[in-house]
């Protein structure tokens, strides 16, 4: 095993194996970084979805409240107009005829 060519070949094969191992480790580290970035992105999307869902619920409740308020205001206006018409009718009936 003192043959210089055998030692050189073994050294070359060891160097190639180490380079291949380093390449695999680099790819694995890059893959892990990409996976971590994707996980963070999914978490951010889930957080945004939850926030948007809460905002939508709040907006829907507000719209429902506004619809109810609008309906109530319309009913009160109708009642007020009916009251005004009644007062005008009474006023017209008690007013002497100008003709």
PDB file of N, CA and C in Angstrom:
ATOM      1  N   UNK A   1       0.822  -1.180   0.000  1.00  0.00           N
ATOM      2  CA  UNK A   1       0.000   0.000   0.000  1.00  0.00           C
ATOM      3  C   UNK A   1       0.867   1.245   0.000  1.00  0.00           C
ATOM      4  N   UNK A   2       2.134   1.108  -0.107  1.00  0.00           N
ATOM      5  CA  UNK A   2       3.031   2.246  -0.207  1.00  0.00           C
ATOM      6  C   UNK A   2       3.112   2.763  -1.624  1.00  0.00           C
ATOM      7  N   UNK A   3       2.340   2.223  -2.501  1.00  0.00           N
ATOM      8  CA  UNK A   3       2.332   2.646  -3.902  1.00  0.00           C
ATOM      9  C   UNK A   3       1.756   4.059  -3.979  1.00  0.00           C
ATOM     10  N   UNK A   4       2.556   5.023  -4.488  1.00  0.00           N
ATOM     11  CA  UNK A   4       2.091   6.420  -4.554  1.00  0.00           C
ATOM     12  C   UNK A   4       0.824   6.565  -5.398  1.00  0.00           C
ATOM     13  N   UNK A   5       0.672   5.796  -6.445  1.00  0.00           N
ATOM     14  CA  UNK A   5      -0.515   5.944  -7.285  1.00  0.00           C
ATOM     15  C   UNK A   5      -1.763   5.464  -6.555  1.00  0.00           C
ATOM     16  N   UNK A   6      -1.671   4.440  -5.734  1.00  0.00           N
ATOM     17  CA  UNK A   6      -2.819   3.956  -4.963  1.00  0.00           C
ATOM     18  C   UNK A   6      -3.210   4.991  -3.918  1.00  0.00           C
ATOM     19  N   UNK A   7      -2.225   5.613  -3.292  1.00  0.00           N
ATOM     20  CA  UNK A   7      -2.500   6.647  -2.294  1.00  0.00           C
ATOM     21  C   UNK A   7      -3.120   7.866  -2.974  1.00  0.00           C
ATOM     22  N   UNK A   8      -2.603   8.227  -4.123  1.00  0.00           N
ATOM     23  CA  UNK A   8      -3.153   9.364  -4.865  1.00  0.00           C
ATOM     24  C   UNK A   8      -4.596   9.085  -5.291  1.00  0.00           C
ATOM     25  N   UNK A   9      -4.849   7.870  -5.744  1.00  0.00           N
ATOM     26  CA  UNK A   9      -6.215   7.509  -6.140  1.00  0.00           C
ATOM     27  C   UNK A   9      -7.152   7.527  -4.939  1.00  0.00           C
ATOM     28  N   UNK A  10      -6.711   7.008  -3.835  1.00  0.00           N
ATOM     29  CA  UNK A  10      -7.537   6.995  -2.622  1.00  0.00           C
ATOM     30  C   UNK A  10      -7.792   8.422  -2.142  1.00  0.00           C
ATOM     31  N   UNK A  11      -6.760   9.262  -2.225  1.00  0.00           N
ATOM     32  CA  UNK A  11      -6.902  10.661  -1.828  1.00  0.00           C
ATOM     33  C   UNK A  11      -7.884  11.381  -2.741  1.00  0.00           C
ATOM     34  N   UNK A  12      -7.790  11.122  -4.048  1.00  0.00           N
ATOM     35  CA  UNK A  12      -8.686  11.738  -5.023  1.00  0.00           C
ATOM     36  C   UNK A  12     -10.117  11.291  -4.767  1.00  0.00           C
ATOM     37  N   UNK A  13     -10.311   9.971  -4.522  1.00  0.00           N
ATOM     38  CA  UNK A  13     -11.666   9.468  -4.268  1.00  0.00           C
ATOM     39  C   UNK A  13     -12.229  10.060  -2.970  1.00  0.00           C
ATOM     40  N   UNK A  14     -11.378  10.187  -1.966  1.00  0.00           N
ATOM     41  CA  UNK A  14     -11.818  10.774  -0.703  1.00  0.00           C
ATOM     42  C   UNK A  14     -12.208  12.238  -0.899  1.00  0.00           C
ATOM     43  N   UNK A  15     -11.397  12.960  -1.680  1.00  0.00           N
ATOM     44  CA  UNK A  15     -11.688  14.364  -1.960  1.00  0.00           C
ATOM     45  C   UNK A  15     -13.002  14.487  -2.724  1.00  0.00           C
ATOM     46  N   UNK A  16     -13.234  13.636  -3.711  1.00  0.00           N
ATOM     47  CA  UNK A  16     -14.486  13.661  -4.477  1.00  0.00           C
ATOM     48  C   UNK A  16     -15.678  13.317  -3.587  1.00  0.00           C
ATOM     49  N   UNK A  17     -15.506  12.362  -2.710  1.00  0.00           N
ATOM     50  CA  UNK A  17     -16.585  11.979  -1.797  1.00  0.00           C
ATOM     51  C   UNK A  17     -16.912  13.124  -0.844  1.00  0.00           C
ATOM     52  N   UNK A  18     -15.857  13.800  -0.348  1.00  0.00           N
ATOM     53  CA  UNK A  18     -16.085  14.935   0.545  1.00  0.00           C
ATOM     54  C   UNK A  18     -16.786  16.083  -0.192  1.00  0.00           C
ATOM     55  N   UNK A  19     -16.410  16.343  -1.437  1.00  0.00           N
ATOM     56  CA  UNK A  19     -17.056  17.385  -2.242  1.00  0.00           C
ATOM     57  C   UNK A  19     -18.523  17.037  -2.496  1.00  0.00           C
ATOM     58  N   UNK A  20     -18.785  15.755  -2.790  1.00  0.00           N
ATOM     59  CA  UNK A  20     -20.164  15.315  -3.013  1.00  0.00           C
ATOM     60  C   UNK A  20     -20.976  15.468  -1.725  1.00  0.00           C
ATOM     61  N   UNK A  21     -20.372  15.096  -0.591  1.00  0.00           N
ATOM     62  CA  UNK A  21     -21.048  15.229   0.696  1.00  0.00           C
ATOM     63  C   UNK A  21     -21.327  16.702   1.000  1.00  0.00           C
ATOM     64  N   UNK A  22     -20.370  17.551   0.752  1.00  0.00           N
ATOM     65  CA  UNK A  22     -20.550  18.985   0.974  1.00  0.00           C
ATOM     66  C   UNK A  22     -21.677  19.530   0.099  1.00  0.00           C
ATOM     67  N   UNK A  23     -21.744  19.082  -1.129  1.00  0.00           N
ATOM     68  CA  UNK A  23     -22.803  19.504  -2.042  1.00  0.00           C
ATOM     69  C   UNK A  23     -24.177  19.064  -1.536  1.00  0.00           C
ATOM     70  N   UNK A  24     -24.268  17.829  -1.067  1.00  0.00           N
ATOM     71  CA  UNK A  24     -25.532  17.314  -0.524  1.00  0.00           C
ATOM     72  C   UNK A  24     -25.942  18.111   0.712  1.00  0.00           C
ATOM     73  N   UNK A  25     -24.973  18.394   1.584  1.00  0.00           N
ATOM     74  CA  UNK A  25     -25.263  19.164   2.798  1.00  0.00           C
ATOM     75  C   UNK A  25     -25.738  20.565   2.429  1.00  0.00           C
ATOM     76  N   UNK A  26     -25.095  21.206   1.460  1.00  0.00           N
ATOM     77  CA  UNK A  26     -25.507  22.541   1.020  1.00  0.00           C
ATOM     78  C   UNK A  26     -26.937  22.526   0.484  1.00  0.00           C
ATOM     79  N   UNK A  27     -27.247  21.508  -0.353  1.00  0.00           N
ATOM     80  CA  UNK A  27     -28.616  21.408  -0.900  1.00  0.00           C
ATOM     81  C   UNK A  27     -29.621  21.187   0.217  1.00  0.00           C
ATOM     82  N   UNK A  28     -29.256  20.370   1.193  1.00  0.00           N
ATOM     83  CA  UNK A  28     -30.160  20.093   2.310  1.00  0.00           C
ATOM     84  C   UNK A  28     -30.398  21.355   3.127  1.00  0.00           C
ATOM     85  N   UNK A  29     -29.351  22.114   3.387  1.00  0.00           N
ATOM     86  CA  UNK A  29     -29.495  23.359   4.140  1.00  0.00           C
ATOM     87  C   UNK A  29     -30.380  24.352   3.386  1.00  0.00           C
ATOM     88  N   UNK A  30     -30.177  24.436   2.077  1.00  0.00           N
ATOM     89  CA  UNK A  30     -31.007  25.324   1.248  1.00  0.00           C
ATOM     90  C   UNK A  30     -32.465  24.863   1.284  1.00  0.00           C
ATOM     91  N   UNK A  31     -32.671  23.559   1.180  1.00  0.00           N
ATOM     92  CA  UNK A  31     -34.029  23.004   1.244  1.00  0.00           C
ATOM     93  C   UNK A  31     -34.668  23.332   2.590  1.00  0.00           C
ATOM     94  N   UNK A  32     -33.907  23.182   3.672  1.00  0.00           N
ATOM     95  CA  UNK A  32     -34.435  23.484   5.004  1.00  0.00           C
ATOM     96  C   UNK A  32     -34.777  24.963   5.142  1.00  0.00           C
ATOM     97  N   UNK A  33     -33.936  25.842   4.582  1.00  0.00           N
ATOM     98  CA  UNK A  33     -34.226  27.279   4.617  1.00  0.00           C
ATOM     99  C   UNK A  33     -35.496  27.579   3.820  1.00  0.00           C
ATOM    100  N   UNK A  34     -35.635  26.952   2.649  1.00  0.00           N
ATOM    101  CA  UNK A  34     -36.835  27.146   1.831  1.00  0.00           C
ATOM    102  C   UNK A  34     -38.073  26.649   2.570  1.00  0.00           C
ATOM    103  N   UNK A  35     -37.960  25.505   3.228  1.00  0.00           N
ATOM    104  CA  UNK A  35     -39.091  24.949   3.982  1.00  0.00           C
ATOM    105  C   UNK A  35     -39.463  25.871   5.133  1.00  0.00           C
ATOM    106  N   UNK A  36     -38.475  26.421   5.807  1.00  0.00           N
ATOM    107  CA  UNK A  36     -38.743  27.349   6.916  1.00  0.00           C
ATOM    108  C   UNK A  36     -39.403  28.618   6.395  1.00  0.00           C
ATOM    109  N   UNK A  37     -38.938  29.091   5.246  1.00  0.00           N
ATOM    110  CA  UNK A  37     -39.542  30.293   4.655  1.00  0.00           C
ATOM    111  C   UNK A  37     -40.991  30.018   4.267  1.00  0.00           C
ATOM    112  N   UNK A  38     -41.247  28.856   3.692  1.00  0.00           N
ATOM    113  CA  UNK A  38     -42.625  28.497   3.323  1.00  0.00           C
ATOM    114  C   UNK A  38     -43.504  28.362   4.559  1.00  0.00           C
ATOM    115  N   UNK A  39     -42.974  27.775   5.601  1.00  0.00           N
ATOM    116  CA  UNK A  39     -43.729  27.647   6.845  1.00  0.00           C
ATOM    117  C   UNK A  39     -44.079  29.022   7.399  1.00  0.00           C
ATOM    118  N   UNK A  40     -43.135  29.928   7.387  1.00  0.00           N
ATOM    119  CA  UNK A  40     -43.385  31.292   7.862  1.00  0.00           C
ATOM    120  C   UNK A  40     -44.436  31.974   6.993  1.00  0.00           C
ATOM    121  N   UNK A  41     -44.353  31.753   5.693  1.00  0.00           N
ATOM    122  CA  UNK A  41     -45.318  32.362   4.771  1.00  0.00           C
ATOM    123  C   UNK A  41     -46.724  31.802   5.009  1.00  0.00           C
ATOM    124  N   UNK A  42     -46.831  30.504   5.209  1.00  0.00           N
ATOM    125  CA  UNK A  42     -48.132  29.885   5.498  1.00  0.00           C
ATOM    126  C   UNK A  42     -48.680  30.442   6.814  1.00  0.00           C
ATOM    127  N   UNK A  43     -47.829  30.588   7.807  1.00  0.00           N
ATOM    128  CA  UNK A  43     -48.263  31.138   9.080  1.00  0.00           C
ATOM    129  C   UNK A  43     -48.782  32.570   8.876  1.00  0.00           C
ATOM    130  N   UNK A  44     -48.067  33.356   8.099  1.00  0.00           N
ATOM    131  CA  UNK A  44     -48.501  34.737   7.829  1.00  0.00           C
ATOM    132  C   UNK A  44     -49.849  34.740   7.107  1.00  0.00           C
ATOM    133  N   UNK A  45     -50.030  33.825   6.141  1.00  0.00           N
ATOM    134  CA  UNK A  45     -51.310  33.736   5.433  1.00  0.00           C
ATOM    135  C   UNK A  45     -52.433  33.356   6.392  1.00  0.00           C
ATOM    136  N   UNK A  46     -52.169  32.416   7.292  1.00  0.00           N
ATOM    137  CA  UNK A  46     -53.183  32.004   8.257  1.00  0.00           C
ATOM    138  C   UNK A  46     -53.546  33.153   9.191  1.00  0.00           C
ATOM    139  N   UNK A  47     -52.545  33.922   9.599  1.00  0.00           N
ATOM    140  CA  UNK A  47     -52.792  35.082  10.454  1.00  0.00           C
ATOM    141  C   UNK A  47     -53.630  36.113   9.708  1.00  0.00           C
ATOM    142  N   UNK A  48     -53.267  36.390   8.449  1.00  0.00           N
ATOM    143  CA  UNK A  48     -54.044  37.335   7.637  1.00  0.00           C
ATOM    144  C   UNK A  48     -55.467  36.841   7.427  1.00  0.00           C
ATOM    145  N   UNK A  49     -55.625  35.541   7.179  1.00  0.00           N
ATOM    146  CA  UNK A  49     -56.957  34.986   6.962  1.00  0.00           C
ATOM    147  C   UNK A  49     -57.813  35.152   8.209  1.00  0.00           C
ATOM    148  N   UNK A  50     -57.234  34.881   9.363  1.00  0.00           N
ATOM    149  CA  UNK A  50     -57.973  35.026  10.616  1.00  0.00           C
ATOM    150  C   UNK A  50     -58.357  36.485  10.859  1.00  0.00           C
ATOM    151  N   UNK A  51     -57.423  37.390  10.586  1.00  0.00           N
ATOM    152  CA  UNK A  51     -57.704  38.819  10.767  1.00  0.00           C
ATOM    153  C   UNK A  51     -58.801  39.270   9.811  1.00  0.00           C
ATOM    154  N   UNK A  52     -58.700  38.848   8.547  1.00  0.00           N
ATOM    155  CA  UNK A  52     -59.706  39.232   7.554  1.00  0.00           C
ATOM    156  C   UNK A  52     -61.071  38.635   7.884  1.00  0.00           C
ATOM    157  N   UNK A  53     -61.083  37.409   8.387  1.00  0.00           N
ATOM    158  CA  UNK A  53     -62.352  36.783   8.770  1.00  0.00           C
ATOM    159  C   UNK A  53     -62.993  37.564   9.916  1.00  0.00           C
ATOM    160  N   UNK A  54     -62.198  37.991  10.877  1.00  0.00           N
ATOM    161  CA  UNK A  54     -62.721  38.782  11.996  1.00  0.00           C
ATOM    162  C   UNK A  54     -63.241  40.124  11.497  1.00  0.00           C
ATOM    163  N   UNK A  55     -62.498  40.765  10.592  1.00  0.00           N
ATOM    164  CA  UNK A  55     -62.946  42.037  10.030  1.00  0.00           C
ATOM    165  C   UNK A  55     -64.236  41.861   9.241  1.00  0.00           C
ATOM    166  N   UNK A  56     -64.335  40.765   8.499  1.00  0.00           N
ATOM    167  CA  UNK A  56     -65.554  40.490   7.741  1.00  0.00           C
ATOM    168  C   UNK A  56     -66.735  40.279   8.672  1.00  0.00           C
ATOM    169  N   UNK A  57     -66.528  39.533   9.747  1.00  0.00           N
ATOM    170  CA  UNK A  57     -67.592  39.329  10.724  1.00  0.00           C
ATOM    171  C   UNK A  57     -68.043  40.658  11.326  1.00  0.00           C
ATOM    172  N   UNK A  58     -67.084  41.509  11.663  1.00  0.00           N
ATOM    173  CA  UNK A  58     -67.401  42.822  12.225  1.00  0.00           C
ATOM    174  C   UNK A  58     -68.173  43.670  11.215  1.00  0.00           C
ATOM    175  N   UNK A  59     -67.719  43.660   9.962  1.00  0.00           N
ATOM    176  CA  UNK A  59     -68.393  44.439   8.922  1.00  0.00           C
ATOM    177  C   UNK A  59     -69.802  43.912   8.665  1.00  0.00           C
ATOM    178  N   UNK A  60     -69.964  42.599   8.679  1.00  0.00           N
ATOM    179  CA  UNK A  60     -71.294  42.014   8.460  1.00  0.00           C
ATOM    180  C   UNK A  60     -72.225  42.387   9.611  1.00  0.00           C
ATOM    181  N   UNK A  61     -71.725  42.345  10.839  1.00  0.00           N
ATOM    182  CA  UNK A  61     -72.549  42.733  11.994  1.00  0.00           C
ATOM    183  C   UNK A  61     -72.916  44.210  11.906  1.00  0.00           C
ATOM    184  N   UNK A  62     -71.966  45.029  11.502  1.00  0.00           N
ATOM    185  CA  UNK A  62     -72.223  46.480  11.348  1.00  0.00           C
ATOM    186  C   UNK A  62     -73.258  46.716  10.254  1.00  0.00           C
ATOM    187  N   UNK A  63     -73.155  46.002   9.143  1.00  0.00           N
ATOM    188  CA  UNK A  63     -74.134  46.139   8.062  1.00  0.00           C
ATOM    189  C   UNK A  63     -75.514  45.721   8.544  1.00  0.00           C
ATOM    190  N   UNK A  64     -75.585  44.660   9.323  1.00  0.00           N
ATOM    191  CA  UNK A  64     -76.867  44.204   9.873  1.00  0.00           C
ATOM    192  C   UNK A  64     -77.459  45.275  10.800  1.00  0.00           C
ATOM    193  N   UNK A  65     -76.616  45.848  11.657  1.00  0.00           N
ATOM    194  CA  UNK A  65     -77.078  46.921  12.551  1.00  0.00           C
ATOM    195  C   UNK A  65     -77.566  48.123  11.758  1.00  0.00           C
ATOM    196  N   UNK A  66     -76.831  48.488  10.696  1.00  0.00           N
ATOM    197  CA  UNK A  66     -77.236  49.632   9.866  1.00  0.00           C
ATOM    198  C   UNK A  66     -78.561  49.356   9.159  1.00  0.00           C
ATOM    199  N   UNK A  67     -78.760  48.127   8.698  1.00  0.00           N
ATOM    200  CA  UNK A  67     -80.039  47.779   8.068  1.00  0.00           C
ATOM    201  C   UNK A  67     -81.182  47.921   9.059  1.00  0.00           C
ATOM    202  N   UNK A  68     -80.983  47.444  10.277  1.00  0.00           N
ATOM    203  CA  UNK A  68     -82.018  47.569  11.306  1.00  0.00           C
ATOM    204  C   UNK A  68     -82.292  49.027  11.639  1.00  0.00           C
ATOM    205  N   UNK A  69     -81.245  49.826  11.785  1.00  0.00           N
ATOM    206  CA  UNK A  69     -81.399  51.248  12.072  1.00  0.00           C
ATOM    207  C   UNK A  69     -82.123  51.951  10.929  1.00  0.00           C
ATOM    208  N   UNK A  70     -81.741  51.610   9.702  1.00  0.00           N
ATOM    209  CA  UNK A  70     -82.386  52.206   8.532  1.00  0.00           C
ATOM    210  C   UNK A  70     -83.878  51.876   8.520  1.00  0.00           C
ATOM    211  N   UNK A  71     -84.221  50.632   8.802  1.00  0.00           N
ATOM    212  CA  UNK A  71     -85.619  50.209   8.839  1.00  0.00           C
ATOM    213  C   UNK A  71     -86.384  50.983   9.918  1.00  0.00           C
ATOM    214  N   UNK A  72     -85.759  51.123  11.083  1.00  0.00           N
ATOM    215  CA  UNK A  72     -86.398  51.851  12.184  1.00  0.00           C
ATOM    216  C   UNK A  72     -86.597  53.324  11.831  1.00  0.00           C
ATOM    217  N   UNK A  73     -85.598  53.949  11.224  1.00  0.00           N
ATOM    218  CA  UNK A  73     -85.710  55.350  10.815  1.00  0.00           C
ATOM    219  C   UNK A  73     -86.813  55.502   9.778  1.00  0.00           C
ATOM    220  N   UNK A  74     -86.890  54.582   8.822  1.00  0.00           N
ATOM    221  CA  UNK A  74     -87.936  54.651   7.797  1.00  0.00           C
ATOM    222  C   UNK A  74     -89.314  54.547   8.437  1.00  0.00           C
ATOM    223  N   UNK A  75     -89.475  53.654   9.421  1.00  0.00           N
ATOM    224  CA  UNK A  75     -90.765  53.526  10.109  1.00  0.00           C
ATOM    225  C   UNK A  75     -91.115  54.800  10.861  1.00  0.00           C
ATOM    226  N   UNK A  76     -90.133  55.401  11.525  1.00  0.00           N
ATOM    227  CA  UNK A  76     -90.379  56.647  12.261  1.00  0.00           C
ATOM    228  C   UNK A  76     -90.735  57.787  11.308  1.00  0.00           C
ATOM    229  N   UNK A  77     -90.048  57.829  10.164  1.00  0.00           N
ATOM    230  CA  UNK A  77     -90.386  58.869   9.178  1.00  0.00           C
ATOM    231  C   UNK A  77     -91.804  58.683   8.660  1.00  0.00           C
ATOM    232  N   UNK A  78     -92.175  57.431   8.407  1.00  0.00           N
ATOM    233  CA  UNK A  78     -93.548  57.160   7.955  1.00  0.00           C
ATOM    234  C   UNK A  78     -94.547  57.618   9.012  1.00  0.00           C
ATOM    235  N   UNK A  79     -94.275  57.317  10.281  1.00  0.00           N
ATOM    236  CA  UNK A  79     -95.166  57.738  11.355  1.00  0.00           C
ATOM    237  C   UNK A  79     -95.232  59.260  11.446  1.00  0.00           C
ATOM    238  N   UNK A  80     -94.075  59.916  11.323  1.00  0.00           N
ATOM    239  CA  UNK A  80     -94.043  61.377  11.390  1.00  0.00           C
ATOM    240  C   UNK A  80     -94.820  61.980  10.225  1.00  0.00           C
ATOM    241  N   UNK A  81     -94.645  61.410   9.014  1.00  0.00           N
ATOM    242  CA  UNK A  81     -95.383  61.925   7.854  1.00  0.00           C
ATOM    243  C   UNK A  81     -96.884  61.715   8.035  1.00  0.00           C
ATOM    244  N   UNK A  82     -97.266  60.569   8.573  1.00  0.00           N
ATOM    245  CA  UNK A  82     -98.682  60.321   8.841  1.00  0.00           C
ATOM    246  C   UNK A  82     -99.223  61.326   9.852  1.00  0.00           C
ATOM    247  N   UNK A  83     -98.443  61.634  10.865  1.00  0.00           N
ATOM    248  CA  UNK A  83     -98.856  62.629  11.867  1.00  0.00           C
ATOM    249  C   UNK A  83     -98.999  64.001  11.249  1.00  0.00           C
ATOM    250  N   UNK A  84     -98.056  64.381  10.412  1.00  0.00           N
ATOM    251  CA  UNK A  84     -98.118  65.688   9.750  1.00  0.00           C
ATOM    252  C   UNK A  84     -99.330  65.751   8.830  1.00  0.00           C
ATOM    253  N   UNK A  85     -99.587  64.688   8.087  1.00  0.00           N
ATOM    254  CA  UNK A  85    -100.763  64.652   7.205  1.00  0.00           C
ATOM    255  C   UNK A  85    -102.054  64.793   8.022  1.00  0.00           C
ATOM    256  N   UNK A  86    -102.095  64.125   9.161  1.00  0.00           N
ATOM    257  CA  UNK A  86    -103.287  64.208  10.010  1.00  0.00           C
ATOM    258  C   UNK A  86    -103.492  65.636  10.506  1.00  0.00           C
ATOM    259  N   UNK A  87    -102.406  66.288  10.923  1.00  0.00           N
ATOM    260  CA  UNK A  87    -102.503  67.682  11.380  1.00  0.00           C
ATOM    261  C   UNK A  87    -102.945  68.579  10.235  1.00  0.00           C
ATOM    262  N   UNK A  88    -102.400  68.380   9.047  1.00  0.00           N
ATOM    263  CA  UNK A  88    -102.790  69.200   7.893  1.00  0.00           C
ATOM    264  C   UNK A  88    -104.246  68.966   7.519  1.00  0.00           C
ATOM    265  N   UNK A  89    -104.690  67.718   7.592  1.00  0.00           N
ATOM    266  CA  UNK A  89    -106.086  67.412   7.287  1.00  0.00           C
ATOM    267  C   UNK A  89    -107.016  68.109   8.267  1.00  0.00           C
ATOM    268  N   UNK A  90    -106.674  68.059   9.560  1.00  0.00           N
ATOM    269  CA  UNK A  90    -107.493  68.731  10.574  1.00  0.00           C
ATOM    270  C   UNK A  90    -107.473  70.227  10.321  1.00  0.00           C
ATOM    271  N   UNK A  91    -106.314  70.747   9.997  1.00  0.00           N
ATOM    272  CA  UNK A  91    -106.190  72.187   9.739  1.00  0.00           C
ATOM    273  C   UNK A  91    -107.007  72.581   8.526  1.00  0.00           C
ATOM    274  N   UNK A  92    -106.954  71.764   7.478  1.00  0.00           N
ATOM    275  CA  UNK A  92    -107.724  72.061   6.263  1.00  0.00           C
ATOM    276  C   UNK A  92    -109.225  71.995   6.537  1.00  0.00           C
ATOM    277  N   UNK A  93    -109.655  71.096   7.395  1.00  0.00           N
ATOM    278  CA  UNK A  93    -111.076  70.929   7.699  1.00  0.00           C
ATOM    279  C   UNK A  93    -111.593  72.065   8.572  1.00  0.00           C
ATOM    280  N   UNK A  94    -110.760  72.637   9.416  1.00  0.00           N
ATOM    281  CA  UNK A  94    -111.212  73.709  10.305  1.00  0.00           C
ATOM    282  C   UNK A  94    -111.017  75.083   9.680  1.00  0.00           C
ATOM    283  N   UNK A  95    -110.360  75.166   8.593  1.00  0.00           N
ATOM    284  CA  UNK A  95    -110.112  76.440   7.932  1.00  0.00           C
ATOM    285  C   UNK A  95    -111.367  76.820   7.149  1.00  0.00           C
ATOM    286  N   UNK A  96    -111.790  78.069   7.282  1.00  0.00           N
ATOM    287  CA  UNK A  96    -112.960  78.483   6.514  1.00  0.00           C
ATOM    288  C   UNK A  96    -112.683  78.473   5.013  1.00  0.00           C
ATOM    289  N   UNK A  97    -113.697  78.179   4.286  1.00  0.00           N
ATOM    290  CA  UNK A  97    -113.579  78.123   2.820  1.00  0.00           C
ATOM    291  C   UNK A  97    -113.483  79.524   2.261  1.00  0.00           C
ATOM    292  N   UNK A  98    -112.453  79.825   1.491  1.00  0.00           N
ATOM    293  CA  UNK A  98    -112.208  81.175   0.974  1.00  0.00           C
ATOM    294  C   UNK A  98    -113.015  81.462  -0.280  1.00  0.00           C
ATOM    295  N   UNK A  99    -113.736  80.527  -0.797  1.00  0.00           N
ATOM    296  CA  UNK A  99    -114.414  80.795  -2.045  1.00  0.00           C
ATOM    297  C   UNK A  99    -115.694  81.509  -1.927  1.00  0.00           C
TER     298      UNK A  99
END
